[in-house]
Protein backbone atom coordinates (compact mmCIF):
# COMPACT_ATOMS: atom_id res chain seq x y z
CA MET A 1 -0.11 -0.04 -0.02
CA GLU A 2 1.13 3.31 -0.92
CA ARG A 3 1.22 6.12 2.05
CA MET A 4 2.63 9.56 2.57
CA ASP A 5 4.54 11.02 5.49
CA GLN A 6 6.23 14.24 6.24
CA LEU A 7 9.70 14.89 7.90
CA TRP A 8 8.10 17.65 10.00
CA PRO A 9 5.20 19.59 10.25
CA GLY A 10 5.53 22.02 7.01
CA GLY A 11 8.79 20.17 6.11
CA TYR A 12 9.29 17.73 2.98
CA ARG A 13 6.81 15.16 2.08
CA PHE A 14 7.60 11.80 0.79
CA TYR A 15 5.66 8.73 -0.74
CA PHE A 16 6.68 5.11 0.31
CA ASN A 17 5.19 1.84 -0.37
CA ASP A 18 4.83 -1.03 2.29
CA THR A 19 5.86 -3.52 -0.84
CA LEU A 20 9.24 -1.71 -1.07
CA PHE A 21 11.96 -0.89 1.28
CA GLN A 22 10.34 1.44 3.66
CA PRO A 23 11.84 4.17 5.44
CA SER A 24 14.07 3.18 8.11
CA THR A 25 16.68 4.29 10.86
CA ASP A 26 19.57 3.71 8.84
CA SER A 27 18.48 6.40 6.56
CA PHE A 28 17.83 8.80 9.24
CA LEU A 29 21.26 7.86 10.56
CA LEU A 30 23.31 8.52 7.31
CA GLY A 31 21.34 11.69 6.47
CA ALA A 32 22.70 13.18 9.77
CA PHE A 33 26.14 11.90 9.40
CA PRO A 34 27.97 13.66 6.46
CA LYS A 35 29.43 17.05 6.67
CA LEU A 36 27.87 19.12 4.18
CA HIS A 37 28.93 21.96 2.29
CA ARG A 38 27.14 24.51 0.06
CA ASP A 39 26.32 23.62 -3.58
CA GLU A 40 27.97 20.21 -2.88
CA ARG A 41 27.17 17.78 -5.77
CA VAL A 42 25.90 14.39 -3.93
CA CYS A 43 25.06 10.96 -5.40
CA ASP A 44 22.97 8.28 -3.48
CA LEU A 45 23.82 4.84 -4.79
CA GLY A 46 20.92 2.40 -4.24
CA ALA A 47 18.68 5.53 -3.54
CA GLY A 48 15.26 3.74 -3.23
CA THR A 49 12.51 6.14 -2.86
CA GLY A 50 14.73 9.02 -2.54
CA LEU A 51 14.32 9.80 1.18
CA LEU A 52 18.05 10.18 1.87
CA GLY A 53 18.19 12.71 -0.64
CA LEU A 54 15.36 14.75 0.93
CA LEU A 55 16.98 14.27 4.92
CA LEU A 56 20.38 15.61 3.30
CA LEU A 57 18.62 18.66 1.40
CA ALA A 58 16.88 19.32 4.86
CA ARG A 59 20.25 20.02 6.32
CA GLU A 60 21.69 21.65 3.33
CA SER A 61 19.18 23.09 0.64
CA SER A 62 21.98 24.17 -1.99
CA LEU A 63 22.82 20.48 -2.57
CA GLN A 64 22.55 19.00 -6.02
CA MET A 65 21.40 15.48 -5.52
CA THR A 66 21.66 12.42 -7.86
CA ASN A 67 19.80 9.44 -7.14
CA VAL A 68 20.66 6.30 -8.78
CA GLU A 69 18.20 3.27 -8.19
CA LEU A 70 17.85 -0.12 -10.00
CA GLN A 71 14.12 -1.05 -9.11
CA LYS A 72 11.79 0.77 -11.25
CA ALA A 73 9.07 1.05 -8.74
CA SER A 74 11.21 2.71 -6.17
CA HIS A 75 12.82 4.85 -9.14
CA GLU A 76 9.34 6.08 -10.25
CA LEU A 77 8.43 6.96 -6.50
CA SER A 78 11.76 8.85 -6.19
CA LEU A 79 10.70 10.66 -9.17
CA ARG A 80 7.16 11.92 -7.54
CA ASN A 81 8.85 12.68 -4.19
CA ALA A 82 11.22 15.10 -6.11
CA ALA A 83 8.38 16.54 -7.91
CA LEU A 84 6.01 16.58 -4.91
CA ASN A 85 8.46 19.01 -2.90
CA GLY A 86 9.44 21.17 -6.16
CA LEU A 87 12.88 19.95 -6.19
CA ASP A 88 12.68 18.51 -9.88
CA LYS A 89 15.88 20.93 -10.84
CA GLN A 90 17.95 19.82 -7.63
CA ILE A 91 17.23 16.22 -7.59
CA THR A 92 18.10 14.01 -10.79
CA CYS A 93 16.63 10.50 -10.53
CA LEU A 94 18.53 7.83 -12.68
CA HIS A 95 17.00 4.48 -13.32
CA GLY A 96 20.34 2.46 -13.60
CA ASP A 97 22.66 -0.56 -12.47
CA LEU A 98 25.60 0.73 -10.10
CA ARG A 99 27.33 -2.21 -11.59
CA ASP A 100 27.52 -0.86 -14.99
CA VAL A 101 29.64 2.10 -15.51
CA SER A 102 27.96 2.89 -18.79
CA GLN A 103 24.72 3.78 -16.64
CA LEU A 104 26.26 5.81 -13.95
CA PRO A 105 27.52 9.69 -14.37
CA PRO A 106 31.11 10.41 -15.86
CA ALA A 107 33.85 9.67 -13.33
CA GLY A 108 34.98 12.28 -10.61
CA SER A 109 31.24 13.94 -11.01
CA PHE A 110 30.48 14.24 -7.05
CA ASP A 111 31.85 15.55 -4.04
CA LEU A 112 30.15 13.32 -1.73
CA VAL A 113 28.64 9.58 -2.39
CA VAL A 114 26.23 8.13 0.09
CA SER A 115 24.83 4.73 0.52
CA ASN A 116 22.82 2.09 2.75
CA PRO A 117 24.28 -0.73 0.82
CA PRO A 118 23.11 -4.44 1.25
CA TYR A 119 24.38 -5.52 4.85
CA PHE A 120 24.52 -9.25 4.47
CA PRO A 121 26.41 -11.55 1.98
CA ALA A 122 24.28 -13.34 -0.37
CA GLY A 123 23.18 -16.78 1.09
CA SER A 124 23.56 -15.65 4.70
CA GLY A 125 20.50 -14.91 7.09
CA LEU A 126 17.17 -14.76 6.55
CA ILE A 127 16.29 -13.64 2.86
CA SER A 128 12.96 -11.75 2.27
CA PRO A 129 10.94 -13.44 -0.19
CA ARG A 130 10.07 -9.74 -1.76
CA ALA A 131 12.53 -9.08 -4.19
CA SER A 132 12.63 -5.18 -3.22
CA ARG A 133 13.47 -6.17 0.52
CA SER A 134 16.20 -8.55 -0.35
CA ALA A 135 18.09 -6.55 -2.79
CA ALA A 136 18.08 -3.83 0.05
CA ARG A 137 19.19 -6.05 2.86
CA SER A 138 21.23 -8.95 1.09
CA GLU A 139 24.00 -8.92 -1.84
CA VAL A 140 21.52 -10.33 -4.14
CA THR A 141 21.79 -7.71 -7.00
CA CYS A 142 24.95 -5.98 -6.13
CA THR A 143 27.74 -6.58 -3.65
CA LEU A 144 29.62 -4.09 -1.09
CA GLU A 145 32.64 -4.59 -3.65
CA ASP A 146 30.34 -3.33 -6.44
CA VAL A 147 29.13 -0.40 -4.19
CA CYS A 148 32.57 0.76 -3.17
CA ALA A 149 33.69 0.52 -6.78
CA ALA A 150 31.10 2.79 -7.89
CA ALA A 151 31.83 5.33 -5.28
CA SER A 152 35.39 5.41 -6.31
CA HIS A 153 34.41 5.97 -9.72
CA LEU A 154 32.05 8.81 -9.18
CA LEU A 155 34.17 10.53 -6.68
CA ARG A 156 36.29 13.27 -7.32
CA TYR A 157 39.87 13.08 -6.00
CA GLY A 158 39.34 14.47 -2.42
CA GLY A 159 35.57 13.49 -2.17
CA ARG A 160 33.92 11.53 0.57
CA PHE A 161 31.78 8.39 0.88
CA ALA A 162 29.60 7.90 3.35
CA VAL A 163 27.88 4.67 4.57
CA VAL A 164 25.70 2.93 7.45
CA PHE A 165 26.86 -0.58 7.92
CA ARG A 166 26.81 -3.67 10.45
CA PRO A 167 29.57 -3.63 13.19
CA GLU A 168 30.40 -7.06 12.77
CA ARG A 169 31.26 -6.65 9.14
CA LEU A 170 33.68 -3.67 9.57
CA VAL A 171 36.82 -5.37 8.66
CA ASP A 172 34.97 -6.20 5.22
CA LEU A 173 34.06 -2.87 4.92
CA THR A 174 37.55 -1.17 5.68
CA ASP A 175 39.32 -3.60 3.28
CA THR A 176 36.76 -3.27 0.50
CA LEU A 177 37.15 0.57 0.70
CA ARG A 178 40.97 0.61 0.72
CA ARG A 179 41.12 -1.51 -2.32
CA HIS A 180 39.30 1.09 -4.10
CA ARG A 181 41.43 4.00 -3.06
CA LEU A 182 38.76 4.97 -0.48
CA GLU A 183 40.49 5.51 2.86
CA PRO A 184 38.28 5.65 6.12
CA LYS A 185 38.67 8.47 8.07
CA ARG A 186 35.51 8.87 10.29
CA LEU A 187 34.05 6.09 12.34
CA ARG A 188 31.21 6.18 14.55
CA PHE A 189 29.08 3.73 16.15
CA VAL A 190 25.31 3.62 17.14
CA GLN A 191 24.34 2.11 20.43
CA ASN A 192 20.91 1.91 22.10
CA THR A 193 22.43 2.75 25.54
CA ALA A 194 25.99 3.67 26.59
CA ASP A 195 26.55 0.17 27.79
CA ALA A 196 24.96 -1.76 25.00
CA ALA A 197 27.03 -3.14 22.15
CA PRO A 198 26.83 -1.28 18.86
CA SER A 199 24.08 -2.16 16.35
CA LEU A 200 25.14 -0.09 13.61
CA LEU A 201 27.97 2.12 12.41
CA LEU A 202 28.42 5.07 10.04
CA LEU A 203 31.80 5.58 8.43
CA GLU A 204 33.01 8.41 6.03
CA ALA A 205 35.85 7.68 3.65
CA LYS A 206 38.10 10.04 1.63
CA LYS A 207 38.92 9.11 -1.99
CA GLY A 208 42.80 9.14 -2.24
CA GLY A 209 43.12 10.10 1.59
CA HIS A 210 46.21 9.49 3.72
CA SER A 211 45.65 6.74 6.66
CA GLY A 212 44.27 8.22 9.75
CA LEU A 213 40.95 7.37 11.48
CA THR A 214 39.23 9.28 13.98
CA ALA A 215 36.70 7.23 15.88
CA GLU A 216 33.94 9.61 17.02
CA PRO A 217 31.76 9.45 20.27
CA PRO A 218 29.13 6.74 19.93
CA LEU A 219 25.67 7.85 18.84
CA LEU A 220 23.19 7.03 21.59
CA HIS A 221 19.55 6.15 21.36
CA TYR A 222 18.71 6.61 24.80
CA VAL A 223 20.27 8.46 27.83
CA HIS A 224 19.19 8.06 31.34
CA GLY A 225 16.27 6.28 30.02
CA ALA A 226 14.91 9.03 27.89
CA GLU A 227 15.47 9.53 23.77
CA SER A 228 18.56 11.54 23.50
CA GLU A 229 18.46 15.09 22.39
CA GLU A 230 20.81 14.08 19.08
CA TRP A 231 18.33 11.29 18.03
CA GLN A 232 15.35 13.58 18.29
CA ARG A 233 17.23 16.22 16.38
CA ILE A 234 18.05 13.45 13.65
CA TYR A 235 14.18 12.62 13.36
CA PHE A 236 13.35 16.47 13.33
CA ARG A 237 11.26 16.45 16.38
CA ASP A 238 12.96 19.41 17.47
CA LYS A 239 10.79 21.04 14.61
CA GLU A 240 7.59 19.55 16.04
């Protein structure tokens, strides 16, 4: 079923569909993570319905966004979401396969690439019977290697690549990034509470960067039993 939601009262609205990959915590966390600068060119690999682009534009309205999405139904919703918010000239939606360089924008076109890549290797864990969800969560249609290769192709020298991923695959992630000339620079774990194990990680890499990783304080969902102020800002609850 198709639905509509809004980031905050008076903020960007967006369509989503229950049968596709739905709005998730991952997208909101990644949308709040990169350091943004005016007029940057940003590409979202595996953009789904385009929510992440809206989250980034909510923080920096001057960005030029490009969404790359393989699934036609999600791509069509991303077009509608751009039009719904009057962002047709700021958001370009491409229906293409990130594994095929000929379907991507020219090399070095972007200052920042973002992605919520599939978390699980093909054949591991539970696979959703819905193709849209299995493609989003497992390496069915593309792998971590594919995503990093595409990001490296699209980034200018010195450009950044930001991802949200699973802590248990941190070594896989850093190894793959380095093989594609993407040097890990910022790492932040996401935890439910201060004494809980991390459930997610946020990582930013720099194309052609020198070694040197900064581990930032963890992002906590709850502090002293209440939702943290940072978490509320990430979900725009401070604007309600």
